[in-house]
Amino acid sequence: MGTATVAVILMISIHPNRPITDLRHTVPTIEGMELRQVFLDWAPETITYLQKHTAVQLMPVPVCPNYYPQVDGATTGGRVLEPRPFDGRQFRAAFRMLRPPLPEVTLFGGMMVARAELPHFRRLFRSARSSRLKKHR
């Protein structure tokens, strides 16, 4: 069982009603409520399937607060998963089908940067800790 699956199962088992409570406050419409519950119920199995049968490997993001932190069920982290870095050349011709990366997570006009490295790149010449990053590249 991968780290991402464990993280989702742990979050759901410790706070089983938090995700759906958060969704009920964030998306208060009754339409689609059953579908949102199915999504949450199947999340661990879906993540496990993706990690076993595809090149997609996910990892938990420990600190990523909700967009609406004031609603019941909100958390400061533990729910968000992001893909582990990988070489996009594995996609071969299908790579063209991918959307371009978000400008917020790119540098120099399109270079992808891991979430944890973004603050360091933005402070590269203003912070001693961040400037050490360039020595390790």
Protein backbone atom coordinates (compact mmCIF):
# COMPACT_ATOMS: atom_id res chain seq x y z
CA MET A 1 0.00 0.00 0.00
CA GLY A 2 1.47 3.34 -1.06
CA THR A 3 2.03 6.41 1.10
CA ALA A 4 -0.80 8.27 -0.62
CA THR A 5 -3.31 5.50 0.08
CA VAL A 6 -2.20 5.32 3.70
CA ALA A 7 -2.56 9.09 4.04
CA VAL A 8 -6.11 9.08 2.67
CA ILE A 9 -7.17 6.08 4.76
CA LEU A 10 -5.63 7.65 7.86
CA MET A 11 -7.36 10.98 7.29
CA ILE A 12 -10.72 9.30 6.68
CA SER A 13 -10.36 6.89 9.61
CA ILE A 14 -9.32 9.57 12.11
CA HIS A 15 -11.97 12.04 10.96
CA PRO A 16 -14.51 10.00 8.97
CA ASN A 17 -17.09 12.80 8.71
CA ARG A 18 -14.73 15.73 8.15
CA PRO A 19 -14.34 15.46 4.37
CA ILE A 20 -18.08 15.16 3.69
CA THR A 21 -18.85 17.88 6.26
CA ASP A 22 -16.37 20.16 4.54
CA LEU A 23 -17.92 19.38 1.15
CA ARG A 24 -21.45 20.00 2.44
CA HIS A 25 -20.42 23.48 3.57
CA THR A 26 -18.28 24.26 0.53
CA VAL A 27 -20.72 22.82 -2.03
CA PRO A 28 -24.09 23.21 -0.28
CA THR A 29 -26.27 22.09 -3.20
CA ILE A 30 -28.15 18.85 -2.75
CA GLU A 31 -27.47 17.87 -6.39
CA GLY A 32 -24.47 15.62 -6.59
CA MET A 33 -24.28 14.91 -2.85
CA GLU A 34 -24.52 11.15 -3.42
CA LEU A 35 -21.80 11.36 -6.05
CA ARG A 36 -19.51 13.26 -3.67
CA GLN A 37 -20.02 10.55 -1.02
CA VAL A 38 -19.22 7.83 -3.58
CA PHE A 39 -16.06 9.75 -4.52
CA LEU A 40 -14.94 9.79 -0.88
CA ASP A 41 -15.88 6.14 -0.31
CA TRP A 42 -13.86 4.97 -3.32
CA ALA A 43 -10.86 7.29 -2.89
CA PRO A 44 -8.50 4.80 -1.15
CA GLU A 45 -9.25 1.99 -3.62
CA THR A 46 -8.92 4.33 -6.62
CA ILE A 47 -5.56 5.64 -5.44
CA THR A 48 -4.32 2.10 -4.84
CA TYR A 49 -5.42 1.08 -8.36
CA LEU A 50 -3.70 4.06 -9.99
CA GLN A 51 -0.45 3.41 -8.15
CA LYS A 52 -0.45 -0.32 -8.95
CA HIS A 53 -1.50 -0.15 -12.60
CA THR A 54 -0.18 3.17 -13.95
CA ALA A 55 2.94 5.31 -13.79
CA VAL A 56 1.05 7.75 -11.54
CA GLN A 57 2.59 7.81 -8.08
CA LEU A 58 1.00 10.18 -5.59
CA MET A 59 2.28 11.60 -2.34
CA PRO A 60 0.45 13.44 0.43
CA VAL A 61 0.92 17.18 0.88
CA PRO A 62 1.17 17.60 4.67
CA VAL A 63 0.35 21.32 4.77
CA CYS A 64 -2.29 22.57 2.37
CA PRO A 65 -5.16 24.38 4.06
CA ASN A 66 -8.69 24.48 2.72
CA TYR A 67 -9.77 27.38 0.55
CA TYR A 68 -12.51 27.98 3.12
CA PRO A 69 -10.78 27.32 6.47
CA GLN A 70 -13.72 28.68 8.48
CA VAL A 71 -16.20 25.94 7.45
CA ASP A 72 -16.87 22.88 9.57
CA GLY A 73 -14.72 19.96 8.46
CA ALA A 74 -11.89 22.12 7.12
CA THR A 75 -8.31 21.06 7.75
CA THR A 76 -4.86 22.57 7.46
CA GLY A 77 -3.53 19.61 5.51
CA GLY A 78 -3.42 15.91 4.89
CA ARG A 79 -6.10 15.65 2.20
CA VAL A 80 -4.27 16.88 -0.86
CA LEU A 81 -2.26 14.48 -2.99
CA GLU A 82 0.16 15.47 -5.71
CA PRO A 83 2.07 13.38 -8.21
CA ARG A 84 5.63 12.45 -7.43
CA PRO A 85 8.09 13.98 -9.89
CA PHE A 86 8.53 11.88 -13.02
CA ASP A 87 9.95 12.18 -16.50
CA GLY A 88 7.18 13.29 -18.87
CA ARG A 89 9.00 11.64 -21.76
CA GLN A 90 7.42 8.39 -20.56
CA PHE A 91 4.24 9.60 -22.25
CA ARG A 92 5.95 9.67 -25.66
CA ALA A 93 3.51 11.06 -28.30
CA ALA A 94 0.69 11.43 -25.76
CA PHE A 95 2.72 14.16 -24.01
CA ARG A 96 1.26 16.67 -26.50
CA MET A 97 -2.20 15.96 -25.05
CA LEU A 98 -1.28 17.32 -21.62
CA ARG A 99 -2.32 20.82 -20.67
CA PRO A 100 0.49 23.26 -20.01
CA PRO A 101 1.48 23.58 -16.35
CA LEU A 102 -0.02 26.32 -14.22
CA PRO A 103 2.07 29.50 -14.35
CA GLU A 104 2.14 29.51 -10.54
CA VAL A 105 4.25 26.34 -10.50
CA THR A 106 6.65 27.18 -13.32
CA LEU A 107 9.75 29.30 -13.69
CA PHE A 108 11.49 30.83 -16.67
CA GLY A 109 8.49 30.48 -18.96
CA GLY A 110 7.54 26.88 -18.33
CA MET A 111 10.05 24.89 -16.25
CA MET A 112 8.09 22.75 -13.78
CA VAL A 113 9.14 23.10 -10.16
CA ALA A 114 8.13 20.90 -7.23
CA ARG A 115 5.77 22.54 -4.74
CA ALA A 116 8.35 22.38 -1.93
CA GLU A 117 11.00 24.11 -4.07
CA LEU A 118 8.86 27.03 -5.29
CA PRO A 119 9.44 29.31 -2.28
CA HIS A 120 13.19 28.73 -2.50
CA PHE A 121 13.36 29.56 -6.20
CA ARG A 122 11.38 32.73 -5.60
CA ARG A 123 13.84 33.79 -2.87
CA LEU A 124 16.95 32.40 -4.54
CA PHE A 125 19.05 35.56 -4.18
CA ARG A 126 17.38 36.96 -1.05
CA SER A 127 17.75 34.07 1.38
CA ALA A 128 20.86 32.16 2.48
CA ARG A 129 18.87 28.95 2.88
CA SER A 130 17.30 29.32 -0.55
CA SER A 131 20.60 30.17 -2.23
CA ARG A 132 21.98 26.79 -1.08
CA LEU A 133 19.40 25.18 -3.35
CA LYS A 134 21.29 26.28 -6.46
CA LYS A 135 24.43 24.49 -5.26
CA HIS A 136 22.61 21.14 -5.16
CA ARG A 137 21.16 21.30 -8.68
